[in-house]
Amino acid sequence: MISIQKYDERFWPDICMIHDAARKIELKYASLTDAFLSLEKIADAEGLFDYTHVDLALIGGRAVGFCAYSAEELAWLYIAPEHMRKGIGHKLVSHALD
């Protein structure tokens, strides 16, 4: 079962792994693999935690996806590749819209 909760810093290593793996796939399809930067390097500069909400999708207490958003913008949405196409992104987006 997928649960959504607010970001907690103990999940930092998890969201780094999620972002980095999913971002590599995203950039591969855009033919921009050389543009990859790890979340650890860009989180502050890209303002990840400047958003009103940073939420996690959890399965069995393990982070499998995350999103960051405000009332005006859904800015970040990443799902662990092994959990893609299982409705996790949809659940995060629905939660953000609510």
PDB file of N, CA and C in Angstrom:
ATOM      1  N   MET A   1       0.825  -1.178   0.000  1.00  0.00           N
ATOM      2  CA  MET A   1       0.000   0.000   0.000  1.00  0.00           C
ATOM      3  C   MET A   1       0.878   1.253   0.000  1.00  0.00           C
ATOM      4  N   ILE A   2       0.498   2.223  -0.773  1.00  0.00           N
ATOM      5  CA  ILE A   2       1.237   3.479  -0.886  1.00  0.00           C
ATOM      6  C   ILE A   2       0.685   4.470   0.132  1.00  0.00           C
ATOM      7  N   SER A   3       1.566   5.049   0.923  1.00  0.00           N
ATOM      8  CA  SER A   3       1.155   6.123   1.822  1.00  0.00           C
ATOM      9  C   SER A   3       1.958   7.375   1.465  1.00  0.00           C
ATOM     10  N   ILE A   4       1.376   8.530   1.744  1.00  0.00           N
ATOM     11  CA  ILE A   4       2.023   9.812   1.467  1.00  0.00           C
ATOM     12  C   ILE A   4       2.259  10.503   2.800  1.00  0.00           C
ATOM     13  N   GLN A   5       3.463  11.038   2.956  1.00  0.00           N
ATOM     14  CA  GLN A   5       3.763  11.795   4.172  1.00  0.00           C
ATOM     15  C   GLN A   5       4.692  12.949   3.825  1.00  0.00           C
ATOM     16  N   LYS A   6       4.759  13.914   4.717  1.00  0.00           N
ATOM     17  CA  LYS A   6       5.682  15.031   4.544  1.00  0.00           C
ATOM     18  C   LYS A   6       7.111  14.508   4.612  1.00  0.00           C
ATOM     19  N   TYR A   7       7.998  15.199   3.889  1.00  0.00           N
ATOM     20  CA  TYR A   7       9.418  14.837   3.902  1.00  0.00           C
ATOM     21  C   TYR A   7       9.968  14.889   5.319  1.00  0.00           C
ATOM     22  N   ASP A   8      10.805  13.944   5.615  1.00  0.00           N
ATOM     23  CA  ASP A   8      11.526  13.859   6.876  1.00  0.00           C
ATOM     24  C   ASP A   8      12.992  13.638   6.493  1.00  0.00           C
ATOM     25  N   GLU A   9      13.886  14.383   7.105  1.00  0.00           N
ATOM     26  CA  GLU A   9      15.302  14.349   6.694  1.00  0.00           C
ATOM     27  C   GLU A   9      15.951  12.969   6.786  1.00  0.00           C
ATOM     28  N   ARG A  10      15.375  12.073   7.552  1.00  0.00           N
ATOM     29  CA  ARG A  10      15.962  10.723   7.603  1.00  0.00           C
ATOM     30  C   ARG A  10      15.840  10.009   6.256  1.00  0.00           C
ATOM     31  N   PHE A  11      14.961  10.524   5.365  1.00  0.00           N
ATOM     32  CA  PHE A  11      14.784   9.941   4.044  1.00  0.00           C
ATOM     33  C   PHE A  11      15.683  10.587   2.987  1.00  0.00           C
ATOM     34  N   TRP A  12      16.575  11.496   3.392  1.00  0.00           N
ATOM     35  CA  TRP A  12      17.462  12.161   2.437  1.00  0.00           C
ATOM     36  C   TRP A  12      18.237  11.168   1.553  1.00  0.00           C
ATOM     37  N   PRO A  13      18.887  10.161   2.111  1.00  0.00           N
ATOM     38  CA  PRO A  13      19.600   9.206   1.246  1.00  0.00           C
ATOM     39  C   PRO A  13      18.668   8.527   0.238  1.00  0.00           C
ATOM     40  N   ASP A  14      17.449   8.245   0.656  1.00  0.00           N
ATOM     41  CA  ASP A  14      16.488   7.595  -0.236  1.00  0.00           C
ATOM     42  C   ASP A  14      16.096   8.502  -1.388  1.00  0.00           C
ATOM     43  N   ILE A  15      15.781   9.777  -1.094  1.00  0.00           N
ATOM     44  CA  ILE A  15      15.364  10.638  -2.206  1.00  0.00           C
ATOM     45  C   ILE A  15      16.531  10.955  -3.135  1.00  0.00           C
ATOM     46  N   CYS A  16      17.749  10.944  -2.604  1.00  0.00           N
ATOM     47  CA  CYS A  16      18.917  11.114  -3.480  1.00  0.00           C
ATOM     48  C   CYS A  16      19.006   9.949  -4.466  1.00  0.00           C
ATOM     49  N   MET A  17      18.847   8.735  -3.971  1.00  0.00           N
ATOM     50  CA  MET A  17      18.899   7.563  -4.854  1.00  0.00           C
ATOM     51  C   MET A  17      17.751   7.585  -5.861  1.00  0.00           C
ATOM     52  N   ILE A  18      16.556   7.942  -5.391  1.00  0.00           N
ATOM     53  CA  ILE A  18      15.395   8.003  -6.283  1.00  0.00           C
ATOM     54  C   ILE A  18      15.633   9.028  -7.380  1.00  0.00           C
ATOM     55  N   HIS A  19      15.988  10.239  -6.999  1.00  0.00           N
ATOM     56  CA  HIS A  19      16.219  11.303  -7.978  1.00  0.00           C
ATOM     57  C   HIS A  19      17.294  10.912  -8.973  1.00  0.00           C
ATOM     58  N   ASP A  20      18.427  10.472  -8.481  1.00  0.00           N
ATOM     59  CA  ASP A  20      19.563  10.214  -9.360  1.00  0.00           C
ATOM     60  C   ASP A  20      19.255   9.116 -10.374  1.00  0.00           C
ATOM     61  N   ALA A  21      18.622   8.049  -9.937  1.00  0.00           N
ATOM     62  CA  ALA A  21      18.291   6.951 -10.858  1.00  0.00           C
ATOM     63  C   ALA A  21      17.243   7.392 -11.881  1.00  0.00           C
ATOM     64  N   ALA A  22      16.199   8.071 -11.418  1.00  0.00           N
ATOM     65  CA  ALA A  22      15.130   8.496 -12.329  1.00  0.00           C
ATOM     66  C   ALA A  22      15.599   9.608 -13.260  1.00  0.00           C
ATOM     67  N   ARG A  23      16.417  10.506 -12.758  1.00  0.00           N
ATOM     68  CA  ARG A  23      16.916  11.625 -13.578  1.00  0.00           C
ATOM     69  C   ARG A  23      17.789  11.105 -14.717  1.00  0.00           C
ATOM     70  N   LYS A  24      18.581  10.091 -14.479  1.00  0.00           N
ATOM     71  CA  LYS A  24      19.405   9.504 -15.538  1.00  0.00           C
ATOM     72  C   LYS A  24      18.531   8.960 -16.670  1.00  0.00           C
ATOM     73  N   ILE A  25      17.415   8.348 -16.322  1.00  0.00           N
ATOM     74  CA  ILE A  25      16.479   7.847 -17.337  1.00  0.00           C
ATOM     75  C   ILE A  25      15.883   9.019 -18.110  1.00  0.00           C
ATOM     76  N   GLU A  26      15.434  10.035 -17.387  1.00  0.00           N
ATOM     77  CA  GLU A  26      14.845  11.230 -18.004  1.00  0.00           C
ATOM     78  C   GLU A  26      15.815  11.859 -19.004  1.00  0.00           C
ATOM     79  N   LEU A  27      17.056  12.021 -18.593  1.00  0.00           N
ATOM     80  CA  LEU A  27      18.052  12.649 -19.459  1.00  0.00           C
ATOM     81  C   LEU A  27      18.438  11.755 -20.639  1.00  0.00           C
ATOM     82  N   LYS A  28      18.431  10.453 -20.440  1.00  0.00           N
ATOM     83  CA  LYS A  28      18.731   9.524 -21.533  1.00  0.00           C
ATOM     84  C   LYS A  28      17.733   9.716 -22.671  1.00  0.00           C
ATOM     85  N   TYR A  29      16.432   9.800 -22.333  1.00  0.00           N
ATOM     86  CA  TYR A  29      15.402   9.961 -23.359  1.00  0.00           C
ATOM     87  C   TYR A  29      15.453  11.325 -24.032  1.00  0.00           C
ATOM     88  N   ALA A  30      16.054  12.303 -23.372  1.00  0.00           N
ATOM     89  CA  ALA A  30      16.212  13.631 -23.963  1.00  0.00           C
ATOM     90  C   ALA A  30      17.568  13.784 -24.646  1.00  0.00           C
ATOM     91  N   SER A  31      18.350  12.705 -24.697  1.00  0.00           N
ATOM     92  CA  SER A  31      19.706  12.718 -25.263  1.00  0.00           C
ATOM     93  C   SER A  31      20.579  13.774 -24.583  1.00  0.00           C
ATOM     94  N   LEU A  32      20.449  13.855 -23.273  1.00  0.00           N
ATOM     95  CA  LEU A  32      21.208  14.840 -22.492  1.00  0.00           C
ATOM     96  C   LEU A  32      21.945  14.193 -21.317  1.00  0.00           C
ATOM     97  N   THR A  33      22.433  12.980 -21.501  1.00  0.00           N
ATOM     98  CA  THR A  33      23.037  12.260 -20.378  1.00  0.00           C
ATOM     99  C   THR A  33      24.200  13.021 -19.739  1.00  0.00           C
ATOM    100  N   ASP A  34      24.898  13.829 -20.514  1.00  0.00           N
ATOM    101  CA  ASP A  34      26.024  14.592 -19.960  1.00  0.00           C
ATOM    102  C   ASP A  34      25.576  15.701 -19.017  1.00  0.00           C
ATOM    103  N   ALA A  35      24.294  16.008 -18.991  1.00  0.00           N
ATOM    104  CA  ALA A  35      23.771  17.081 -18.139  1.00  0.00           C
ATOM    105  C   ALA A  35      23.458  16.609 -16.720  1.00  0.00           C
ATOM    106  N   PHE A  36      23.667  15.330 -16.423  1.00  0.00           N
ATOM    107  CA  PHE A  36      23.302  14.795 -15.113  1.00  0.00           C
ATOM    108  C   PHE A  36      24.106  15.436 -13.989  1.00  0.00           C
ATOM    109  N   LEU A  37      23.384  15.838 -12.945  1.00  0.00           N
ATOM    110  CA  LEU A  37      23.970  16.269 -11.677  1.00  0.00           C
ATOM    111  C   LEU A  37      23.182  15.597 -10.565  1.00  0.00           C
ATOM    112  N   SER A  38      23.859  15.132  -9.556  1.00  0.00           N
ATOM    113  CA  SER A  38      23.191  14.428  -8.458  1.00  0.00           C
ATOM    114  C   SER A  38      22.340  15.391  -7.633  1.00  0.00           C
ATOM    115  N   LEU A  39      21.355  14.844  -6.969  1.00  0.00           N
ATOM    116  CA  LEU A  39      20.505  15.657  -6.107  1.00  0.00           C
ATOM    117  C   LEU A  39      21.331  16.319  -5.011  1.00  0.00           C
ATOM    118  N   GLU A  40      22.294  15.597  -4.508  1.00  0.00           N
ATOM    119  CA  GLU A  40      23.144  16.157  -3.460  1.00  0.00           C
ATOM    120  C   GLU A  40      23.807  17.462  -3.917  1.00  0.00           C
ATOM    121  N   LYS A  41      24.156  17.539  -5.190  1.00  0.00           N
ATOM    122  CA  LYS A  41      24.808  18.731  -5.732  1.00  0.00           C
ATOM    123  C   LYS A  41      23.834  19.857  -6.067  1.00  0.00           C
ATOM    124  N   ILE A  42      22.591  19.520  -6.419  1.00  0.00           N
ATOM    125  CA  ILE A  42      21.691  20.558  -6.941  1.00  0.00           C
ATOM    126  C   ILE A  42      20.511  20.926  -6.057  1.00  0.00           C
ATOM    127  N   ALA A  43      20.240  20.179  -5.011  1.00  0.00           N
ATOM    128  CA  ALA A  43      19.036  20.413  -4.204  1.00  0.00           C
ATOM    129  C   ALA A  43      18.935  21.859  -3.722  1.00  0.00           C
ATOM    130  N   ASP A  44      20.002  22.386  -3.184  1.00  0.00           N
ATOM    131  CA  ASP A  44      19.963  23.765  -2.683  1.00  0.00           C
ATOM    132  C   ASP A  44      19.862  24.776  -3.822  1.00  0.00           C
ATOM    133  N   ALA A  45      20.703  24.632  -4.826  1.00  0.00           N
ATOM    134  CA  ALA A  45      20.712  25.583  -5.938  1.00  0.00           C
ATOM    135  C   ALA A  45      19.396  25.585  -6.710  1.00  0.00           C
ATOM    136  N   GLU A  46      18.761  24.420  -6.818  1.00  0.00           N
ATOM    137  CA  GLU A  46      17.492  24.303  -7.548  1.00  0.00           C
ATOM    138  C   GLU A  46      16.281  24.545  -6.651  1.00  0.00           C
ATOM    139  N   GLY A  47      16.509  24.789  -5.365  1.00  0.00           N
ATOM    140  CA  GLY A  47      15.439  25.168  -4.454  1.00  0.00           C
ATOM    141  C   GLY A  47      14.458  24.074  -4.091  1.00  0.00           C
ATOM    142  N   LEU A  48      14.917  22.840  -4.027  1.00  0.00           N
ATOM    143  CA  LEU A  48      14.010  21.745  -3.673  1.00  0.00           C
ATOM    144  C   LEU A  48      13.223  22.047  -2.405  1.00  0.00           C
ATOM    145  N   PHE A  49      13.896  22.510  -1.379  1.00  0.00           N
ATOM    146  CA  PHE A  49      13.232  22.718  -0.098  1.00  0.00           C
ATOM    147  C   PHE A  49      12.657  24.129   0.066  1.00  0.00           C
ATOM    148  N   ASP A  50      12.667  24.895  -1.016  1.00  0.00           N
ATOM    149  CA  ASP A  50      12.007  26.204  -1.014  1.00  0.00           C
ATOM    150  C   ASP A  50      10.507  26.074  -1.256  1.00  0.00           C
ATOM    151  N   TYR A  51      10.078  24.913  -1.722  1.00  0.00           N
ATOM    152  CA  TYR A  51       8.661  24.703  -2.007  1.00  0.00           C
ATOM    153  C   TYR A  51       7.880  24.495  -0.710  1.00  0.00           C
ATOM    154  N   THR A  52       6.629  24.894  -0.729  1.00  0.00           N
ATOM    155  CA  THR A  52       5.758  24.785   0.436  1.00  0.00           C
ATOM    156  C   THR A  52       5.654  23.348   0.919  1.00  0.00           C
ATOM    157  N   HIS A  53       5.620  22.431  -0.034  1.00  0.00           N
ATOM    158  CA  HIS A  53       5.444  21.017   0.299  1.00  0.00           C
ATOM    159  C   HIS A  53       6.511  20.170  -0.384  1.00  0.00           C
ATOM    160  N   VAL A  54       7.087  19.272   0.371  1.00  0.00           N
ATOM    161  CA  VAL A  54       7.903  18.191  -0.169  1.00  0.00           C
ATOM    162  C   VAL A  54       7.333  16.935   0.477  1.00  0.00           C
ATOM    163  N   ASP A  55       6.762  16.078  -0.357  1.00  0.00           N
ATOM    164  CA  ASP A  55       6.077  14.887   0.139  1.00  0.00           C
ATOM    165  C   ASP A  55       6.727  13.618  -0.397  1.00  0.00           C
ATOM    166  N   LEU A  56       6.609  12.573   0.395  1.00  0.00           N
ATOM    167  CA  LEU A  56       7.175  11.273   0.051  1.00  0.00           C
ATOM    168  C   LEU A  56       6.067  10.262  -0.199  1.00  0.00           C
ATOM    169  N   ALA A  57       6.310   9.369  -1.124  1.00  0.00           N
ATOM    170  CA  ALA A  57       5.468   8.184  -1.288  1.00  0.00           C
ATOM    171  C   ALA A  57       6.223   7.037  -0.630  1.00  0.00           C
ATOM    172  N   LEU A  58       5.552   6.338   0.248  1.00  0.00           N
ATOM    173  CA  LEU A  58       6.179   5.244   0.987  1.00  0.00           C
ATOM    174  C   LEU A  58       5.446   3.937   0.733  1.00  0.00           C
ATOM    175  N   ILE A  59       6.204   2.878   0.624  1.00  0.00           N
ATOM    176  CA  ILE A  59       5.656   1.525   0.595  1.00  0.00           C
ATOM    177  C   ILE A  59       6.408   0.752   1.667  1.00  0.00           C
ATOM    178  N   GLY A  60       5.668   0.242   2.625  1.00  0.00           N
ATOM    179  CA  GLY A  60       6.299  -0.495   3.710  1.00  0.00           C
ATOM    180  C   GLY A  60       7.320   0.318   4.476  1.00  0.00           C
ATOM    181  N   GLY A  61       7.073   1.618   4.611  1.00  0.00           N
ATOM    182  CA  GLY A  61       7.984   2.501   5.337  1.00  0.00           C
ATOM    183  C   GLY A  61       9.212   2.917   4.557  1.00  0.00           C
ATOM    184  N   ARG A  62       9.306   2.515   3.305  1.00  0.00           N
ATOM    185  CA  ARG A  62      10.458   2.855   2.461  1.00  0.00           C
ATOM    186  C   ARG A  62      10.044   3.882   1.412  1.00  0.00           C
ATOM    187  N   ALA A  63      10.824   4.944   1.249  1.00  0.00           N
ATOM    188  CA  ALA A  63      10.525   5.967   0.247  1.00  0.00           C
ATOM    189  C   ALA A  63      10.743   5.386  -1.150  1.00  0.00           C
ATOM    190  N   VAL A  64       9.736   5.564  -2.013  1.00  0.00           N
ATOM    191  CA  VAL A  64       9.810   5.072  -3.391  1.00  0.00           C
ATOM    192  C   VAL A  64       9.551   6.191  -4.394  1.00  0.00           C
ATOM    193  N   GLY A  65       9.250   7.384  -3.896  1.00  0.00           N
ATOM    194  CA  GLY A  65       9.024   8.529  -4.765  1.00  0.00           C
ATOM    195  C   GLY A  65       8.879   9.782  -3.938  1.00  0.00           C
ATOM    196  N   PHE A  66       8.981  10.944  -4.607  1.00  0.00           N
ATOM    197  CA  PHE A  66       8.784  12.205  -3.907  1.00  0.00           C
ATOM    198  C   PHE A  66       8.345  13.283  -4.888  1.00  0.00           C
ATOM    199  N   CYS A  67       7.724  14.306  -4.332  1.00  0.00           N
ATOM    200  CA  CYS A  67       7.354  15.471  -5.127  1.00  0.00           C
ATOM    201  C   CYS A  67       7.528  16.719  -4.279  1.00  0.00           C
ATOM    202  N   ALA A  68       7.726  17.849  -4.963  1.00  0.00           N
ATOM    203  CA  ALA A  68       7.807  19.147  -4.305  1.00  0.00           C
ATOM    204  C   ALA A  68       6.899  20.085  -5.073  1.00  0.00           C
ATOM    205  N   TYR A  69       6.105  20.867  -4.338  1.00  0.00           N
ATOM    206  CA  TYR A  69       5.116  21.712  -4.998  1.00  0.00           C
ATOM    207  C   TYR A  69       4.683  22.864  -4.104  1.00  0.00           C
ATOM    208  N   SER A  70       4.050  23.821  -4.751  1.00  0.00           N
ATOM    209  CA  SER A  70       3.398  24.940  -4.073  1.00  0.00           C
ATOM    210  C   SER A  70       1.980  25.008  -4.614  1.00  0.00           C
ATOM    211  N   ALA A  71       1.234  26.011  -4.220  1.00  0.00           N
ATOM    212  CA  ALA A  71      -0.123  26.174  -4.735  1.00  0.00           C
ATOM    213  C   ALA A  71      -0.118  26.466  -6.233  1.00  0.00           C
ATOM    214  N   GLU A  72       0.980  27.010  -6.735  1.00  0.00           N
ATOM    215  CA  GLU A  72       1.071  27.400  -8.139  1.00  0.00           C
ATOM    216  C   GLU A  72       1.782  26.403  -9.041  1.00  0.00           C
ATOM    217  N   GLU A  73       2.579  25.499  -8.461  1.00  0.00           N
ATOM    218  CA  GLU A  73       3.472  24.702  -9.311  1.00  0.00           C
ATOM    219  C   GLU A  73       3.794  23.339  -8.704  1.00  0.00           C
ATOM    220  N   LEU A  74       3.738  22.321  -9.551  1.00  0.00           N
ATOM    221  CA  LEU A  74       4.306  21.016  -9.219  1.00  0.00           C
ATOM    222  C   LEU A  74       5.688  21.016  -9.863  1.00  0.00           C
ATOM    223  N   ALA A  75       6.720  21.101  -9.047  1.00  0.00           N
ATOM    224  CA  ALA A  75       8.057  21.350  -9.573  1.00  0.00           C
ATOM    225  C   ALA A  75       8.922  20.097  -9.677  1.00  0.00           C
ATOM    226  N   TRP A  76       8.797  19.189  -8.766  1.00  0.00           N
ATOM    227  CA  TRP A  76       9.618  17.987  -8.728  1.00  0.00           C
ATOM    228  C   TRP A  76       8.692  16.784  -8.599  1.00  0.00           C
ATOM    229  N   LEU A  77       8.975  15.757  -9.373  1.00  0.00           N
ATOM    230  CA  LEU A  77       8.240  14.495  -9.244  1.00  0.00           C
ATOM    231  C   LEU A  77       9.165  13.390  -9.732  1.00  0.00           C
ATOM    232  N   TYR A  78       9.612  12.566  -8.819  1.00  0.00           N
ATOM    233  CA  TYR A  78      10.517  11.474  -9.158  1.00  0.00           C
ATOM    234  C   TYR A  78      10.079  10.197  -8.456  1.00  0.00           C
ATOM    235  N   ILE A  79      10.137   9.107  -9.213  1.00  0.00           N
ATOM    236  CA  ILE A  79       9.766   7.787  -8.712  1.00  0.00           C
ATOM    237  C   ILE A  79      10.958   6.857  -8.932  1.00  0.00           C
ATOM    238  N   ALA A  80      11.241   6.017  -7.956  1.00  0.00           N
ATOM    239  CA  ALA A  80      12.312   5.026  -8.109  1.00  0.00           C
ATOM    240  C   ALA A  80      12.001   4.160  -9.329  1.00  0.00           C
ATOM    241  N   PRO A  81      12.974   3.962 -10.214  1.00  0.00           N
ATOM    242  CA  PRO A  81      12.715   3.205 -11.446  1.00  0.00           C
ATOM    243  C   PRO A  81      12.042   1.849 -11.232  1.00  0.00           C
ATOM    244  N   GLU A  82      12.407   1.140 -10.193  1.00  0.00           N
ATOM    245  CA  GLU A  82      11.807  -0.184  -9.958  1.00  0.00           C
ATOM    246  C   GLU A  82      10.348  -0.086  -9.519  1.00  0.00           C
ATOM    247  N   HIS A  83       9.879   1.129  -9.235  1.00  0.00           N
ATOM    248  CA  HIS A  83       8.488   1.330  -8.818  1.00  0.00           C
ATOM    249  C   HIS A  83       7.688   2.165  -9.824  1.00  0.00           C
ATOM    250  N   MET A  84       8.289   2.476 -10.964  1.00  0.00           N
ATOM    251  CA  MET A  84       7.577   3.245 -11.982  1.00  0.00           C
ATOM    252  C   MET A  84       6.435   2.415 -12.569  1.00  0.00           C
ATOM    253  N   ARG A  85       5.412   3.120 -13.033  1.00  0.00           N
ATOM    254  CA  ARG A  85       4.244   2.530 -13.691  1.00  0.00           C
ATOM    255  C   ARG A  85       3.417   1.658 -12.733  1.00  0.00           C
ATOM    256  N   LYS A  86       3.394   2.084 -11.468  1.00  0.00           N
ATOM    257  CA  LYS A  86       2.605   1.370 -10.462  1.00  0.00           C
ATOM    258  C   LYS A  86       1.615   2.306  -9.765  1.00  0.00           C
ATOM    259  N   GLY A  87       1.406   3.499 -10.319  1.00  0.00           N
ATOM    260  CA  GLY A  87       0.446   4.436  -9.753  1.00  0.00           C
ATOM    261  C   GLY A  87       0.991   5.364  -8.687  1.00  0.00           C
ATOM    262  N   ILE A  88       2.286   5.310  -8.417  1.00  0.00           N
ATOM    263  CA  ILE A  88       2.865   6.130  -7.357  1.00  0.00           C
ATOM    264  C   ILE A  88       2.889   7.601  -7.758  1.00  0.00           C
ATOM    265  N   GLY A  89       3.297   7.889  -8.980  1.00  0.00           N
ATOM    266  CA  GLY A  89       3.294   9.268  -9.469  1.00  0.00           C
ATOM    267  C   GLY A  89       1.883   9.829  -9.457  1.00  0.00           C
ATOM    268  N   HIS A  90       0.936   9.038  -9.898  1.00  0.00           N
ATOM    269  CA  HIS A  90      -0.473   9.467  -9.906  1.00  0.00           C
ATOM    270  C   HIS A  90      -0.942   9.799  -8.485  1.00  0.00           C
ATOM    271  N   LYS A  91      -0.571   8.964  -7.543  1.00  0.00           N
ATOM    272  CA  LYS A  91      -0.979   9.202  -6.151  1.00  0.00           C
ATOM    273  C   LYS A  91      -0.335  10.482  -5.600  1.00  0.00           C
ATOM    274  N   LEU A  92       0.937  10.709  -5.915  1.00  0.00           N
ATOM    275  CA  LEU A  92       1.599  11.942  -5.462  1.00  0.00           C
ATOM    276  C   LEU A  92       0.954  13.179  -6.089  1.00  0.00           C
ATOM    277  N   VAL A  93       0.675  13.124  -7.382  1.00  0.00           N
ATOM    278  CA  VAL A  93       0.066  14.268  -8.068  1.00  0.00           C
ATOM    279  C   VAL A  93      -1.340  14.514  -7.520  1.00  0.00           C
ATOM    280  N   SER A  94      -2.112  13.477  -7.339  1.00  0.00           N
ATOM    281  CA  SER A  94      -3.471  13.633  -6.771  1.00  0.00           C
ATOM    282  C   SER A  94      -3.408  14.256  -5.383  1.00  0.00           C
ATOM    283  N   HIS A  95      -2.455  13.813  -4.585  1.00  0.00           N
ATOM    284  CA  HIS A  95      -2.278  14.372  -3.246  1.00  0.00           C
ATOM    285  C   HIS A  95      -1.933  15.856  -3.338  1.00  0.00           C
ATOM    286  N   ALA A  96      -1.033  16.213  -4.240  1.00  0.00           N
ATOM    287  CA  ALA A  96      -0.636  17.618  -4.408  1.00  0.00           C
ATOM    288  C   ALA A  96      -1.818  18.478  -4.854  1.00  0.00           C
ATOM    289  N   LEU A  97      -2.641  17.953  -5.741  1.00  0.00           N
ATOM    290  CA  LEU A  97      -3.798  18.699  -6.236  1.00  0.00           C
ATOM    291  C   LEU A  97      -4.865  18.901  -5.160  1.00  0.00           C
ATOM    292  N   ASP A  98      -4.964  17.934  -4.261  1.00  0.00           N
ATOM    293  CA  ASP A  98      -5.947  18.061  -3.168  1.00  0.00           C
ATOM    294  C   ASP A  98      -5.542  19.200  -2.246  1.00  0.00           C
TER     295      ASP A  98
END
